[in-house]
């Protein structure tokens, strides 16, 4: 049920906001999950995972910026 709710919110946001910003915000959920698993659940992540999160965050920034 929460998956359907997130899609409804996603499409509602697309109607009122810029597509690049909405898509960038949607991609941030992956970084939030990674950080939550590391901080709250103490799951070990290798350096490749941390580099991947940094690359993801850089991509989100580039998607959302006006450049």
PDB file of N, CA and C in Angstrom:
ATOM      1  N   UNK A   1       0.813  -1.193   0.000  1.00  0.00           N
ATOM      2  CA  UNK A   1       0.000   0.000   0.000  1.00  0.00           C
ATOM      3  C   UNK A   1       0.858   1.259   0.000  1.00  0.00           C
ATOM      4  N   UNK A   2       1.973   1.243   0.724  1.00  0.00           N
ATOM      5  CA  UNK A   2       2.816   2.432   0.751  1.00  0.00           C
ATOM      6  C   UNK A   2       3.479   2.674  -0.607  1.00  0.00           C
ATOM      7  N   UNK A   3       3.738   1.608  -1.351  1.00  0.00           N
ATOM      8  CA  UNK A   3       4.303   1.766  -2.688  1.00  0.00           C
ATOM      9  C   UNK A   3       3.358   2.516  -3.610  1.00  0.00           C
ATOM     10  N   UNK A   4       2.086   2.172  -3.538  1.00  0.00           N
ATOM     11  CA  UNK A   4       1.087   2.866  -4.360  1.00  0.00           C
ATOM     12  C   UNK A   4       0.961   4.322  -3.930  1.00  0.00           C
ATOM     13  N   UNK A   5       1.029   4.570  -2.642  1.00  0.00           N
ATOM     14  CA  UNK A   5       0.944   5.946  -2.143  1.00  0.00           C
ATOM     15  C   UNK A   5       2.121   6.787  -2.600  1.00  0.00           C
ATOM     16  N   UNK A   6       3.309   6.174  -2.626  1.00  0.00           N
ATOM     17  CA  UNK A   6       4.479   6.932  -3.069  1.00  0.00           C
ATOM     18  C   UNK A   6       4.382   7.272  -4.548  1.00  0.00           C
ATOM     19  N   UNK A   7       3.831   6.362  -5.347  1.00  0.00           N
ATOM     20  CA  UNK A   7       3.658   6.666  -6.777  1.00  0.00           C
ATOM     21  C   UNK A   7       2.624   7.765  -6.983  1.00  0.00           C
ATOM     22  N   UNK A   8       1.562   7.747  -6.202  1.00  0.00           N
ATOM     23  CA  UNK A   8       0.564   8.819  -6.315  1.00  0.00           C
ATOM     24  C   UNK A   8       1.175  10.165  -5.944  1.00  0.00           C
ATOM     25  N   UNK A   9       1.978  10.183  -4.900  1.00  0.00           N
ATOM     26  CA  UNK A   9       2.650  11.422  -4.507  1.00  0.00           C
ATOM     27  C   UNK A   9       3.654  11.854  -5.572  1.00  0.00           C
ATOM     28  N   UNK A  10       4.336  10.900  -6.173  1.00  0.00           N
ATOM     29  CA  UNK A  10       5.307  11.201  -7.226  1.00  0.00           C
ATOM     30  C   UNK A  10       4.619  11.870  -8.416  1.00  0.00           C
ATOM     31  N   UNK A  11       3.517  11.305  -8.874  1.00  0.00           N
ATOM     32  CA  UNK A  11       2.833  11.879 -10.029  1.00  0.00           C
ATOM     33  C   UNK A  11       2.162  13.203  -9.691  1.00  0.00           C
ATOM     34  N   UNK A  12       1.707  13.361  -8.466  1.00  0.00           N
ATOM     35  CA  UNK A  12       1.155  14.651  -8.055  1.00  0.00           C
ATOM     36  C   UNK A  12       2.254  15.714  -8.042  1.00  0.00           C
ATOM     37  N   UNK A  13       3.445  15.349  -7.589  1.00  0.00           N
ATOM     38  CA  UNK A  13       4.559  16.290  -7.580  1.00  0.00           C
ATOM     39  C   UNK A  13       4.982  16.646  -9.000  1.00  0.00           C
ATOM     40  N   UNK A  14       4.901  15.681  -9.913  1.00  0.00           N
ATOM     41  CA  UNK A  14       5.248  15.971 -11.305  1.00  0.00           C
ATOM     42  C   UNK A  14       4.304  16.994 -11.925  1.00  0.00           C
ATOM     43  N   UNK A  15       3.065  16.996 -11.478  1.00  0.00           N
ATOM     44  CA  UNK A  15       2.112  17.960 -12.032  1.00  0.00           C
ATOM     45  C   UNK A  15       2.403  19.381 -11.580  1.00  0.00           C
ATOM     46  N   UNK A  16       2.978  19.550 -10.392  1.00  0.00           N
ATOM     47  CA  UNK A  16       3.152  20.909  -9.875  1.00  0.00           C
ATOM     48  C   UNK A  16       4.602  21.378  -9.839  1.00  0.00           C
ATOM     49  N   UNK A  17       5.556  20.476 -10.048  1.00  0.00           N
ATOM     50  CA  UNK A  17       6.958  20.862  -9.953  1.00  0.00           C
ATOM     51  C   UNK A  17       7.742  20.500 -11.191  1.00  0.00           C
ATOM     52  N   UNK A  18       8.974  20.975 -11.271  1.00  0.00           N
ATOM     53  CA  UNK A  18       9.825  20.640 -12.419  1.00  0.00           C
ATOM     54  C   UNK A  18      10.217  19.162 -12.392  1.00  0.00           C
ATOM     55  N   UNK A  19      10.231  18.559 -13.546  1.00  0.00           N
ATOM     56  CA  UNK A  19      10.500  17.125 -13.642  1.00  0.00           C
ATOM     57  C   UNK A  19      11.872  16.760 -13.089  1.00  0.00           C
ATOM     58  N   UNK A  20      12.880  17.539 -13.406  1.00  0.00           N
ATOM     59  CA  UNK A  20      14.236  17.218 -12.946  1.00  0.00           C
ATOM     60  C   UNK A  20      14.327  17.253 -11.426  1.00  0.00           C
ATOM     61  N   UNK A  21      13.689  18.222 -10.804  1.00  0.00           N
ATOM     62  CA  UNK A  21      13.721  18.308  -9.347  1.00  0.00           C
ATOM     63  C   UNK A  21      12.973  17.180  -8.674  1.00  0.00           C
ATOM     64  N   UNK A  22      11.829  16.817  -9.231  1.00  0.00           N
ATOM     65  CA  UNK A  22      11.040  15.717  -8.659  1.00  0.00           C
ATOM     66  C   UNK A  22      11.784  14.394  -8.810  1.00  0.00           C
ATOM     67  N   UNK A  23      12.364  14.156  -9.974  1.00  0.00           N
ATOM     68  CA  UNK A  23      13.106  12.913 -10.198  1.00  0.00           C
ATOM     69  C   UNK A  23      14.342  12.854  -9.301  1.00  0.00           C
ATOM     70  N   UNK A  24      14.997  13.983  -9.113  1.00  0.00           N
ATOM     71  CA  UNK A  24      16.175  14.013  -8.246  1.00  0.00           C
ATOM     72  C   UNK A  24      15.796  13.690  -6.800  1.00  0.00           C
ATOM     73  N   UNK A  25      14.707  14.256  -6.344  1.00  0.00           N
ATOM     74  CA  UNK A  25      14.245  13.974  -4.981  1.00  0.00           C
ATOM     75  C   UNK A  25      13.867  12.508  -4.826  1.00  0.00           C
ATOM     76  N   UNK A  26      13.286  11.935  -5.858  1.00  0.00           N
ATOM     77  CA  UNK A  26      12.924  10.514  -5.820  1.00  0.00           C
ATOM     78  C   UNK A  26      14.169   9.638  -5.705  1.00  0.00           C
ATOM     79  N   UNK A  27      15.236   9.993  -6.388  1.00  0.00           N
ATOM     80  CA  UNK A  27      16.480   9.214  -6.337  1.00  0.00           C
ATOM     81  C   UNK A  27      17.160   9.300  -4.976  1.00  0.00           C
ATOM     82  N   UNK A  28      16.887  10.356  -4.233  1.00  0.00           N
ATOM     83  CA  UNK A  28      17.507  10.498  -2.912  1.00  0.00           C
ATOM     84  C   UNK A  28      17.072   9.402  -1.947  1.00  0.00           C
ATOM     85  N   UNK A  29      15.949   8.745  -2.223  1.00  0.00           N
ATOM     86  CA  UNK A  29      15.493   7.688  -1.324  1.00  0.00           C
ATOM     87  C   UNK A  29      16.524   6.573  -1.212  1.00  0.00           C
ATOM     88  N   UNK A  30      17.263   6.311  -2.272  1.00  0.00           N
ATOM     89  CA  UNK A  30      18.300   5.277  -2.216  1.00  0.00           C
ATOM     90  C   UNK A  30      19.411   5.661  -1.241  1.00  0.00           C
ATOM     91  N   UNK A  31      19.799   6.923  -1.255  1.00  0.00           N
ATOM     92  CA  UNK A  31      20.835   7.378  -0.324  1.00  0.00           C
ATOM     93  C   UNK A  31      20.326   7.330   1.115  1.00  0.00           C
ATOM     94  N   UNK A  32      19.065   7.706   1.328  1.00  0.00           N
ATOM     95  CA  UNK A  32      18.486   7.652   2.671  1.00  0.00           C
ATOM     96  C   UNK A  32      18.462   6.222   3.202  1.00  0.00           C
ATOM     97  N   UNK A  33      18.101   5.271   2.361  1.00  0.00           N
ATOM     98  CA  UNK A  33      18.065   3.866   2.781  1.00  0.00           C
ATOM     99  C   UNK A  33      19.464   3.386   3.138  1.00  0.00           C
ATOM    100  N   UNK A  34      20.445   3.740   2.334  1.00  0.00           N
ATOM    101  CA  UNK A  34      21.827   3.342   2.593  1.00  0.00           C
ATOM    102  C   UNK A  34      22.313   3.902   3.923  1.00  0.00           C
ATOM    103  N   UNK A  35      22.079   5.200   4.129  1.00  0.00           N
ATOM    104  CA  UNK A  35      22.524   5.831   5.375  1.00  0.00           C
ATOM    105  C   UNK A  35      21.779   5.292   6.588  1.00  0.00           C
ATOM    106  N   UNK A  36      20.479   5.055   6.447  1.00  0.00           N
ATOM    107  CA  UNK A  36      19.710   4.487   7.556  1.00  0.00           C
ATOM    108  C   UNK A  36      20.218   3.101   7.924  1.00  0.00           C
ATOM    109  N   UNK A  37      20.526   2.292   6.921  1.00  0.00           N
ATOM    110  CA  UNK A  37      21.019   0.945   7.218  1.00  0.00           C
ATOM    111  C   UNK A  37      22.376   0.999   7.914  1.00  0.00           C
ATOM    112  N   UNK A  38      23.198   1.983   7.571  1.00  0.00           N
ATOM    113  CA  UNK A  38      24.522   2.088   8.195  1.00  0.00           C
ATOM    114  C   UNK A  38      24.442   2.657   9.606  1.00  0.00           C
ATOM    115  N   UNK A  39      23.624   3.692   9.789  1.00  0.00           N
ATOM    116  CA  UNK A  39      23.586   4.366  11.086  1.00  0.00           C
ATOM    117  C   UNK A  39      22.658   3.693  12.090  1.00  0.00           C
ATOM    118  N   UNK A  40      21.462   3.363  11.677  1.00  0.00           N
ATOM    119  CA  UNK A  40      20.478   2.826  12.621  1.00  0.00           C
ATOM    120  C   UNK A  40      20.611   1.318  12.825  1.00  0.00           C
ATOM    121  N   UNK A  41      20.917   0.599  11.750  1.00  0.00           N
ATOM    122  CA  UNK A  41      20.945  -0.864  11.836  1.00  0.00           C
ATOM    123  C   UNK A  41      22.352  -1.432  11.890  1.00  0.00           C
ATOM    124  N   UNK A  42      23.354  -0.537  11.838  1.00  0.00           N
ATOM    125  CA  UNK A  42      24.753  -0.934  11.972  1.00  0.00           C
ATOM    126  C   UNK A  42      25.192  -1.965  10.924  1.00  0.00           C
ATOM    127  N   UNK A  43      24.631  -1.892   9.724  1.00  0.00           N
ATOM    128  CA  UNK A  43      25.047  -2.798   8.662  1.00  0.00           C
ATOM    129  C   UNK A  43      26.387  -2.325   8.100  1.00  0.00           C
ATOM    130  N   UNK A  44      27.320  -3.230   7.925  1.00  0.00           N
ATOM    131  CA  UNK A  44      28.618  -2.815   7.382  1.00  0.00           C
ATOM    132  C   UNK A  44      28.530  -2.602   5.868  1.00  0.00           C
ATOM    133  N   UNK A  45      29.152  -1.538   5.404  1.00  0.00           N
ATOM    134  CA  UNK A  45      29.224  -1.255   3.975  1.00  0.00           C
ATOM    135  C   UNK A  45      30.679  -1.039   3.612  1.00  0.00           C
ATOM    136  N   UNK A  46      31.072  -1.555   2.477  1.00  0.00           N
ATOM    137  CA  UNK A  46      32.435  -1.374   2.001  1.00  0.00           C
ATOM    138  C   UNK A  46      32.628  -0.001   1.385  1.00  0.00           C
ATOM    139  N   UNK A  47      33.866   0.274   1.014  1.00  0.00           N
ATOM    140  CA  UNK A  47      34.173   1.574   0.445  1.00  0.00           C
ATOM    141  C   UNK A  47      33.456   1.780  -0.878  1.00  0.00           C
ATOM    142  N   UNK A  48      33.190   0.676  -1.617  1.00  0.00           N
ATOM    143  CA  UNK A  48      32.490   0.804  -2.893  1.00  0.00           C
ATOM    144  C   UNK A  48      31.075   1.337  -2.691  1.00  0.00           C
ATOM    145  N   UNK A  49      30.427   0.906  -1.621  1.00  0.00           N
ATOM    146  CA  UNK A  49      29.084   1.402  -1.323  1.00  0.00           C
ATOM    147  C   UNK A  49      29.075   2.880  -1.005  1.00  0.00           C
ATOM    148  N   UNK A  50      30.063   3.319  -0.221  1.00  0.00           N
ATOM    149  CA  UNK A  50      30.144   4.735   0.131  1.00  0.00           C
ATOM    150  C   UNK A  50      30.467   5.596  -1.086  1.00  0.00           C
ATOM    151  N   UNK A  51      31.335   5.091  -1.951  1.00  0.00           N
ATOM    152  CA  UNK A  51      31.629   5.820  -3.190  1.00  0.00           C
ATOM    153  C   UNK A  51      30.376   5.885  -4.061  1.00  0.00           C
ATOM    154  N   UNK A  52      29.634   4.800  -4.098  1.00  0.00           N
ATOM    155  CA  UNK A  52      28.390   4.791  -4.865  1.00  0.00           C
ATOM    156  C   UNK A  52      27.389   5.814  -4.365  1.00  0.00           C
ATOM    157  N   UNK A  53      27.280   5.960  -3.053  1.00  0.00           N
ATOM    158  CA  UNK A  53      26.370   6.966  -2.489  1.00  0.00           C
ATOM    159  C   UNK A  53      26.844   8.370  -2.846  1.00  0.00           C
ATOM    160  N   UNK A  54      28.150   8.604  -2.796  1.00  0.00           N
ATOM    161  CA  UNK A  54      28.676   9.920  -3.170  1.00  0.00           C
ATOM    162  C   UNK A  54      28.414  10.231  -4.644  1.00  0.00           C
ATOM    163  N   UNK A  55      28.579   9.244  -5.504  1.00  0.00           N
ATOM    164  CA  UNK A  55      28.297   9.444  -6.929  1.00  0.00           C
ATOM    165  C   UNK A  55      26.810   9.699  -7.138  1.00  0.00           C
ATOM    166  N   UNK A  56      25.963   8.968  -6.420  1.00  0.00           N
ATOM    167  CA  UNK A  56      24.519   9.176  -6.505  1.00  0.00           C
ATOM    168  C   UNK A  56      24.148  10.585  -6.063  1.00  0.00           C
ATOM    169  N   UNK A  57      24.713  11.042  -4.959  1.00  0.00           N
ATOM    170  CA  UNK A  57      24.429  12.396  -4.479  1.00  0.00           C
ATOM    171  C   UNK A  57      24.914  13.458  -5.464  1.00  0.00           C
ATOM    172  N   UNK A  58      26.066  13.223  -6.080  1.00  0.00           N
ATOM    173  CA  UNK A  58      26.555  14.163  -7.097  1.00  0.00           C
ATOM    174  C   UNK A  58      25.607  14.189  -8.294  1.00  0.00           C
ATOM    175  N   UNK A  59      25.114  13.041  -8.699  1.00  0.00           N
ATOM    176  CA  UNK A  59      24.161  12.985  -9.805  1.00  0.00           C
ATOM    177  C   UNK A  59      22.858  13.672  -9.478  1.00  0.00           C
ATOM    178  N   UNK A  60      22.376  13.496  -8.254  1.00  0.00           N
ATOM    179  CA  UNK A  60      21.143  14.169  -7.828  1.00  0.00           C
ATOM    180  C   UNK A  60      21.337  15.678  -7.853  1.00  0.00           C
ATOM    181  N   UNK A  61      22.490  16.136  -7.387  1.00  0.00           N
ATOM    182  CA  UNK A  61      22.779  17.566  -7.412  1.00  0.00           C
ATOM    183  C   UNK A  61      22.791  18.086  -8.844  1.00  0.00           C
ATOM    184  N   UNK A  62      23.449  17.369  -9.737  1.00  0.00           N
ATOM    185  CA  UNK A  62      23.505  17.818 -11.129  1.00  0.00           C
ATOM    186  C   UNK A  62      22.131  17.794 -11.790  1.00  0.00           C
ATOM    187  N   UNK A  63      21.312  16.812 -11.447  1.00  0.00           N
ATOM    188  CA  UNK A  63      19.950  16.771 -12.006  1.00  0.00           C
ATOM    189  C   UNK A  63      19.112  17.945 -11.540  1.00  0.00           C
ATOM    190  N   UNK A  64      19.262  18.308 -10.288  1.00  0.00           N
ATOM    191  CA  UNK A  64      18.414  19.343  -9.711  1.00  0.00           C
ATOM    192  C   UNK A  64      18.928  20.757  -9.962  1.00  0.00           C
ATOM    193  N   UNK A  65      20.216  20.883 -10.287  1.00  0.00           N
ATOM    194  CA  UNK A  65      20.757  22.233 -10.494  1.00  0.00           C
ATOM    195  C   UNK A  65      20.342  22.766 -11.856  1.00  0.00           C
ATOM    196  N   UNK A  66      20.505  24.051 -12.028  1.00  0.00           N
ATOM    197  CA  UNK A  66      20.091  24.696 -13.271  1.00  0.00           C
ATOM    198  C   UNK A  66      21.161  24.662 -14.351  1.00  0.00           C
ATOM    199  N   UNK A  67      22.203  23.944 -14.137  1.00  0.00           N
ATOM    200  CA  UNK A  67      23.307  23.909 -15.110  1.00  0.00           C
ATOM    201  C   UNK A  67      23.029  22.962 -16.219  1.00  0.00           C
TER     202      UNK A  67
END
